[in-house]
C-alpha cells in the first residue's frame, strides 16, 4: 500500500469519497479552488509531508461543480478573497484557450484539466520530479474520479507574429 497526498479545495468536501475510493494511506492539504501559491514555505511543508509519510503519489483533485471554480467562470463574487485574483485570471485564460482549441462551446472538463495540468507542472518542477503527480476531476452524479485530460491535449495558445 502506498501513501498519497491529495491537494483539494475544502468546499468540495471530498475526503470521505477519496478514502473510500483510493486504498492508500491518504493525507490532505487544502486551498480554495486548488489555488496553491507554491511559495518556499508551502513547498517546505509539502516536502516534509512527502518525506515523513513516505508519500509516492500526489493528486490534485477538484469537483466538476467546485463553487470557487464556477464563480471564477461566472459572477466572480469571491474575487476579493485574498489569493484568488491570480486563480480567477488563470481560469478565464484557460476558458478562452479551450474555446479556441475545442471550437464547440465551453468545455468545463477541459478548463479544469488545463488548470490542473499547469499546477502539476509547477509542483513537479519544484519537487524535482521526486513523486508522481496526477490530476483527478470528481463527478458527484456518477460518484467517480476521472483522470484529467493529458497535457498533450491541453496545449497552450501561442501567437506567431
Protein backbone atom coordinates (compact mmCIF):
# COMPACT_ATOMS: atom_id res chain seq x y z
CA UNK A 1 0.00 0.00 0.00
CA UNK A 2 1.36 3.42 -0.93
CA UNK A 3 0.84 6.73 0.78
CA UNK A 4 -0.82 9.56 -1.15
CA UNK A 5 -1.20 13.29 -0.68
CA UNK A 6 -4.37 14.89 -2.03
CA UNK A 7 -4.41 18.62 -2.76
CA UNK A 8 -8.01 19.76 -2.87
CA UNK A 9 -10.50 22.53 -2.26
CA UNK A 10 -12.26 22.48 1.13
CA UNK A 11 -15.57 23.46 -0.50
CA UNK A 12 -15.69 20.12 -2.35
CA UNK A 13 -15.73 18.01 0.87
CA UNK A 14 -14.15 15.03 -0.91
CA UNK A 15 -12.09 13.47 1.87
CA UNK A 16 -14.52 10.64 2.64
CA UNK A 17 -15.03 9.90 -1.08
CA UNK A 18 -11.26 9.77 -1.56
CA UNK A 19 -10.76 7.47 1.42
CA UNK A 20 -13.48 5.15 0.09
CA UNK A 21 -12.12 5.14 -3.49
CA UNK A 22 -8.35 5.18 -3.06
CA UNK A 23 -7.00 2.31 -0.97
CA UNK A 24 -3.97 4.17 0.33
CA UNK A 25 -2.96 5.92 3.48
CA UNK A 26 -4.26 9.34 2.44
CA UNK A 27 -3.13 12.79 3.54
CA UNK A 28 -4.82 16.06 2.63
CA UNK A 29 -3.88 19.71 2.05
CA UNK A 30 -6.47 22.26 1.02
CA UNK A 31 -6.68 25.64 -0.66
CA UNK A 32 -9.65 27.38 -2.24
CA UNK A 33 -10.08 26.14 -5.78
CA UNK A 34 -6.72 24.35 -5.51
CA UNK A 35 -5.15 27.78 -5.93
CA UNK A 36 -1.97 26.84 -4.06
CA UNK A 37 0.72 29.50 -4.37
CA UNK A 38 3.84 27.38 -4.20
CA UNK A 39 5.94 29.69 -2.08
CA UNK A 40 9.03 28.47 -0.27
CA UNK A 41 7.17 27.79 2.98
CA UNK A 42 4.39 25.78 1.28
CA UNK A 43 6.89 23.72 -0.72
CA UNK A 44 8.82 23.08 2.50
CA UNK A 45 5.67 21.73 4.17
CA UNK A 46 4.84 19.53 1.18
CA UNK A 47 8.42 18.18 1.05
CA UNK A 48 8.19 17.49 4.78
CA UNK A 49 4.94 15.55 4.37
CA UNK A 50 6.36 13.57 1.44
CA UNK A 51 9.46 12.62 3.41
CA UNK A 52 7.82 11.98 6.79
CA UNK A 53 4.96 9.85 5.44
CA UNK A 54 6.81 8.22 2.51
CA UNK A 55 4.33 9.67 0.02
CA UNK A 56 4.72 8.28 -3.50
CA UNK A 57 1.71 9.87 -5.21
CA UNK A 58 0.28 13.40 -5.15
CA UNK A 59 -3.16 14.13 -6.60
CA UNK A 60 -4.66 17.49 -7.47
CA UNK A 61 -8.42 17.00 -7.19
CA UNK A 62 -11.33 19.29 -7.99
CA UNK A 63 -15.03 18.60 -8.32
CA UNK A 64 -16.69 19.43 -11.64
CA UNK A 65 -19.06 21.69 -9.75
CA UNK A 66 -16.49 23.30 -7.45
CA UNK A 67 -18.10 26.57 -6.29
CA UNK A 68 -14.84 28.55 -6.44
CA UNK A 69 -14.10 27.33 -9.98
CA UNK A 70 -17.68 28.05 -11.13
CA UNK A 71 -17.52 31.51 -9.55
CA UNK A 72 -14.28 32.22 -11.44
CA UNK A 73 -16.14 31.43 -14.67
CA UNK A 74 -19.22 33.45 -13.77
CA UNK A 75 -20.10 36.20 -11.34
CA UNK A 76 -16.75 36.31 -9.55
CA UNK A 77 -18.39 37.10 -6.22
CA UNK A 78 -15.42 35.65 -4.31
CA UNK A 79 -12.77 37.55 -6.28
CA UNK A 80 -11.97 39.78 -3.29
CA UNK A 81 -10.75 36.81 -1.24
CA UNK A 82 -7.01 37.16 -0.79
CA UNK A 83 -5.07 34.95 -3.16
CA UNK A 84 -7.86 34.23 -5.63
CA UNK A 85 -7.12 37.04 -8.13
CA UNK A 86 -4.44 35.05 -9.95
CA UNK A 87 -6.59 31.91 -9.86
CA UNK A 88 -9.57 33.73 -11.38
CA UNK A 89 -7.39 35.21 -14.14
CA UNK A 90 -5.89 31.82 -14.94
CA UNK A 91 -9.30 30.14 -15.16
CA UNK A 92 -10.56 32.83 -17.57
CA UNK A 93 -7.41 32.46 -19.75
CA UNK A 94 -7.84 28.70 -19.83
CA UNK A 95 -11.51 29.08 -20.76
CA UNK A 96 -10.50 31.28 -23.71
CA UNK A 97 -7.85 28.75 -24.79
CA UNK A 98 -10.36 25.93 -24.52
CA UNK A 99 -12.86 27.76 -26.69
CA UNK A 100 -10.18 28.31 -29.36
CA UNK A 101 -8.93 24.71 -29.34
CA UNK A 102 -12.24 22.87 -28.97
CA UNK A 103 -14.34 25.31 -31.09
CA UNK A 104 -17.68 23.87 -29.96
CA UNK A 105 -18.71 25.92 -27.00
CA UNK A 106 -17.43 25.73 -23.49
CA UNK A 107 -15.93 22.53 -22.12
CA UNK A 108 -15.71 22.71 -18.34
CA UNK A 109 -13.74 19.46 -18.05
CA UNK A 110 -11.08 20.76 -20.42
CA UNK A 111 -10.69 24.03 -18.48
CA UNK A 112 -10.29 22.07 -15.25
CA UNK A 113 -7.75 19.84 -16.99
CA UNK A 114 -5.79 22.82 -18.31
CA UNK A 115 -5.66 24.35 -14.86
CA UNK A 116 -4.70 21.15 -13.02
CA UNK A 117 -2.04 20.31 -15.62
CA UNK A 118 -0.49 23.73 -15.01
CA UNK A 119 -0.44 23.14 -11.25
CA UNK A 120 1.05 19.65 -11.75
CA UNK A 121 3.90 21.02 -13.89
CA UNK A 122 4.57 23.78 -11.38
CA UNK A 123 4.69 21.45 -8.37
CA UNK A 124 6.61 18.74 -10.22
CA UNK A 125 9.41 21.14 -11.10
CA UNK A 126 9.60 22.44 -7.51
CA UNK A 127 9.77 18.91 -6.08
CA UNK A 128 12.40 17.93 -8.68
CA UNK A 129 10.30 15.04 -10.05
CA UNK A 130 10.61 13.07 -6.78
CA UNK A 131 6.98 11.85 -6.69
CA UNK A 132 4.29 11.02 -9.24
CA UNK A 133 1.74 13.80 -9.56
CA UNK A 134 -1.71 13.27 -11.08
CA UNK A 135 -4.92 15.21 -11.60
CA UNK A 136 -8.46 14.00 -10.95
CA UNK A 137 -11.85 15.56 -11.51
CA UNK A 138 -14.75 14.33 -9.40
CA UNK A 139 -18.25 13.91 -10.82
CA UNK A 140 -20.70 13.76 -7.92
CA UNK A 141 -23.58 12.46 -10.05
CA UNK A 142 -21.58 9.41 -11.06
CA UNK A 143 -19.57 9.35 -7.79
CA UNK A 144 -16.43 8.87 -9.87
CA UNK A 145 -12.96 10.38 -10.07
CA UNK A 146 -11.84 10.87 -13.66
CA UNK A 147 -8.29 11.39 -14.91
CA UNK A 148 -7.77 14.87 -16.30
CA UNK A 149 -7.03 15.31 -19.98
CA UNK A 150 -3.42 14.69 -20.88
CA UNK A 151 -1.07 17.62 -21.05
CA UNK A 152 -0.73 16.78 -24.75
CA UNK A 153 -4.42 17.61 -25.23
CA UNK A 154 -4.21 20.75 -23.08
CA UNK A 155 -1.99 22.78 -25.36
CA UNK A 156 -1.28 26.42 -24.69
CA UNK A 157 -2.23 29.13 -27.14
CA UNK A 158 0.72 30.75 -28.93
CA UNK A 159 0.67 33.66 -31.33
CA UNK A 160 3.27 33.95 -34.04
CA UNK A 161 3.63 37.45 -35.48
